[in-house]
Structure formats: C-alpha cells, structure tokens
Amino acid sequence: MPSLLRRRDCPVCGQAHNFCLTTGPIAAGQAFAFRCPVYDRPGLLRADAAGEMTRSYLPGAISLEDAPKPRSPAGCPTMRDEN
C-alpha cells in the first residue's frame, strides 16, 4: 500500500510537492532519494512526519526510494565492538 507525504517543501527547488513511496509506510525521520521534476536533479528528503497510507499512487506525486546507505571509505574503521 503506498504512503504519501502531501505538500512538503522540496530541498532541491523549494517548491511544495507531493511525495509517494509505493513500497510501504513512511516513518518520521526516514530518509529518501528522489528526483526533483523542476530542475531534474536528485535530492534527499527526510520525512518530518509519518506518511499517509493511500489505496493508490497519487497522480503527479514524486516517487521516493530508500536513501542509499553511507559506505565506509576503504581503510577507515567502521563502528563495531573492538572487544
């Protein structure tokens, strides 16, 4: 079931857009990747609230994808227990 964030300011262009995640619920604080239709540039959106579950994709809404996980540069220590 899709989840919708209505009228959120786009961090790329500053305009309000509807954003939709087709794969499940949106939790507050979750980060998503998307492509701004105004400037055709990638962006990162952090949900400020839980998404609204809908029965279908909202026409014109910008599709969200899970944000890529940060990778540790080669040779840098990762966060793990050293014991």
C-alpha atoms as a PDB file:
ATOM      1  CA  MET A   1       0.000   0.000   0.000  1.00  0.00           C
ATOM      2  CA  PRO A   2       1.516   3.388  -0.991  1.00  0.00           C
ATOM      3  CA  SER A   3       2.329   6.051   1.569  1.00  0.00           C
ATOM      4  CA  LEU A   4       2.054   9.769   0.834  1.00  0.00           C
ATOM      5  CA  LEU A   5       3.671  12.958   2.123  1.00  0.00           C
ATOM      6  CA  ARG A   6       1.461  15.847   0.986  1.00  0.00           C
ATOM      7  CA  ARG A   7       2.764  19.301   0.129  1.00  0.00           C
ATOM      8  CA  ARG A   8       6.306  19.055   1.517  1.00  0.00           C
ATOM      9  CA  ASP A   9       8.929  21.633   0.553  1.00  0.00           C
ATOM     10  CA  CYS A  10      11.424  20.211  -1.904  1.00  0.00           C
ATOM     11  CA  PRO A  11      15.034  20.547  -0.705  1.00  0.00           C
ATOM     12  CA  VAL A  12      16.146  20.949  -4.348  1.00  0.00           C
ATOM     13  CA  CYS A  13      13.819  23.651  -5.736  1.00  0.00           C
ATOM     14  CA  GLY A  14      11.989  24.935  -2.632  1.00  0.00           C
ATOM     15  CA  GLN A  15       8.508  24.335  -4.082  1.00  0.00           C
ATOM     16  CA  ALA A  16       5.898  22.180  -2.348  1.00  0.00           C
ATOM     17  CA  HIS A  17       5.396  18.730  -3.874  1.00  0.00           C
ATOM     18  CA  ASN A  18       3.512  15.561  -3.012  1.00  0.00           C
ATOM     19  CA  PHE A  19       5.879  12.627  -2.428  1.00  0.00           C
ATOM     20  CA  CYS A  20       4.885   8.958  -2.585  1.00  0.00           C
ATOM     21  CA  LEU A  21       6.565   5.726  -1.502  1.00  0.00           C
ATOM     22  CA  THR A  22       4.947   2.800  -3.315  1.00  0.00           C
ATOM     23  CA  THR A  23       6.595   0.043  -1.264  1.00  0.00           C
ATOM     24  CA  GLY A  24       5.126   0.665   2.189  1.00  0.00           C
ATOM     25  CA  PRO A  25       4.816   3.097   5.083  1.00  0.00           C
ATOM     26  CA  ILE A  26       6.879   6.241   5.621  1.00  0.00           C
ATOM     27  CA  ALA A  27       8.142   6.760   9.175  1.00  0.00           C
ATOM     28  CA  ALA A  28       9.104  10.138  10.609  1.00  0.00           C
ATOM     29  CA  GLY A  29      12.855  10.654  10.306  1.00  0.00           C
ATOM     30  CA  GLN A  30      13.274   8.219   7.421  1.00  0.00           C
ATOM     31  CA  ALA A  31      15.421   9.461   4.517  1.00  0.00           C
ATOM     32  CA  PHE A  32      14.514   9.007   0.856  1.00  0.00           C
ATOM     33  CA  ALA A  33      16.101   9.696  -2.507  1.00  0.00           C
ATOM     34  CA  PHE A  34      14.062  11.295  -5.307  1.00  0.00           C
ATOM     35  CA  ARG A  35      14.445  13.329  -8.497  1.00  0.00           C
ATOM     36  CA  CYS A  36      13.081  16.902  -8.482  1.00  0.00           C
ATOM     37  CA  PRO A  37      10.925  17.426 -11.596  1.00  0.00           C
ATOM     38  CA  VAL A  38      11.550  21.189 -11.639  1.00  0.00           C
ATOM     39  CA  TYR A  39      15.355  21.050 -12.048  1.00  0.00           C
ATOM     40  CA  ASP A  40      15.666  17.351 -12.982  1.00  0.00           C
ATOM     41  CA  ARG A  41      18.213  16.906 -10.175  1.00  0.00           C
ATOM     42  CA  PRO A  42      18.476  14.222  -7.486  1.00  0.00           C
ATOM     43  CA  GLY A  43      17.582  15.095  -3.922  1.00  0.00           C
ATOM     44  CA  LEU A  44      17.346  13.671  -0.432  1.00  0.00           C
ATOM     45  CA  LEU A  45      14.202  14.120   1.655  1.00  0.00           C
ATOM     46  CA  ARG A  46      13.927  13.319   5.362  1.00  0.00           C
ATOM     47  CA  ALA A  47      10.302  12.749   6.385  1.00  0.00           C
ATOM     48  CA  ASP A  48       9.212  15.219   9.074  1.00  0.00           C
ATOM     49  CA  ALA A  49       6.149  13.100   9.911  1.00  0.00           C
ATOM     50  CA  ALA A  50       4.694   9.675   9.177  1.00  0.00           C
ATOM     51  CA  GLY A  51       3.211   9.283   5.712  1.00  0.00           C
ATOM     52  CA  GLU A  52      -0.475   8.919   4.987  1.00  0.00           C
ATOM     53  CA  MET A  53      -1.369   5.422   3.740  1.00  0.00           C
ATOM     54  CA  THR A  54      -3.376   5.528   0.494  1.00  0.00           C
ATOM     55  CA  ARG A  55      -5.085   2.932  -1.676  1.00  0.00           C
ATOM     56  CA  SER A  56      -3.345   4.054  -4.843  1.00  0.00           C
ATOM     57  CA  TYR A  57      -0.461   6.157  -6.131  1.00  0.00           C
ATOM     58  CA  LEU A  58      -1.367   9.870  -6.284  1.00  0.00           C
ATOM     59  CA  PRO A  59      -1.011  11.079  -9.903  1.00  0.00           C
ATOM     60  CA  GLY A  60       1.777  13.656 -10.181  1.00  0.00           C
ATOM     61  CA  ALA A  61       3.389  12.681  -6.874  1.00  0.00           C
ATOM     62  CA  ILE A  62       7.168  12.362  -6.857  1.00  0.00           C
ATOM     63  CA  SER A  63       8.315   8.790  -6.365  1.00  0.00           C
ATOM     64  CA  LEU A  64      10.527   8.134  -3.334  1.00  0.00           C
ATOM     65  CA  GLU A  65      13.174   5.441  -2.963  1.00  0.00           C
ATOM     66  CA  ASP A  66      15.076   4.362   0.128  1.00  0.00           C
ATOM     67  CA  ALA A  67      18.127   6.605   0.506  1.00  0.00           C
ATOM     68  CA  PRO A  68      21.421   4.851  -0.160  1.00  0.00           C
ATOM     69  CA  LYS A  69      23.224   3.703   2.968  1.00  0.00           C
ATOM     70  CA  PRO A  70      26.522   5.541   3.591  1.00  0.00           C
ATOM     71  CA  ARG A  71      29.550   3.396   2.881  1.00  0.00           C
ATOM     72  CA  SER A  72      32.737   3.445   4.890  1.00  0.00           C
ATOM     73  CA  PRO A  73      35.746   4.502   2.803  1.00  0.00           C
ATOM     74  CA  ALA A  74      38.313   1.742   2.266  1.00  0.00           C
ATOM     75  CA  GLY A  75      40.744   1.536   5.147  1.00  0.00           C
ATOM     76  CA  CYS A  76      38.595   3.517   7.588  1.00  0.00           C
ATOM     77  CA  PRO A  77      37.397   1.778  10.732  1.00  0.00           C
ATOM     78  CA  THR A  78      33.699   1.003  10.952  1.00  0.00           C
ATOM     79  CA  MET A  79      31.545   1.280  14.067  1.00  0.00           C
ATOM     80  CA  ARG A  80      31.847  -2.120  15.723  1.00  0.00           C
ATOM     81  CA  ASP A  81      32.738  -3.549  19.068  1.00  0.00           C
ATOM     82  CA  GLU A  82      36.524  -3.921  19.289  1.00  0.00           C
ATOM     83  CA  ASN A  83      36.334  -6.474  22.147  1.00  0.00           C
END
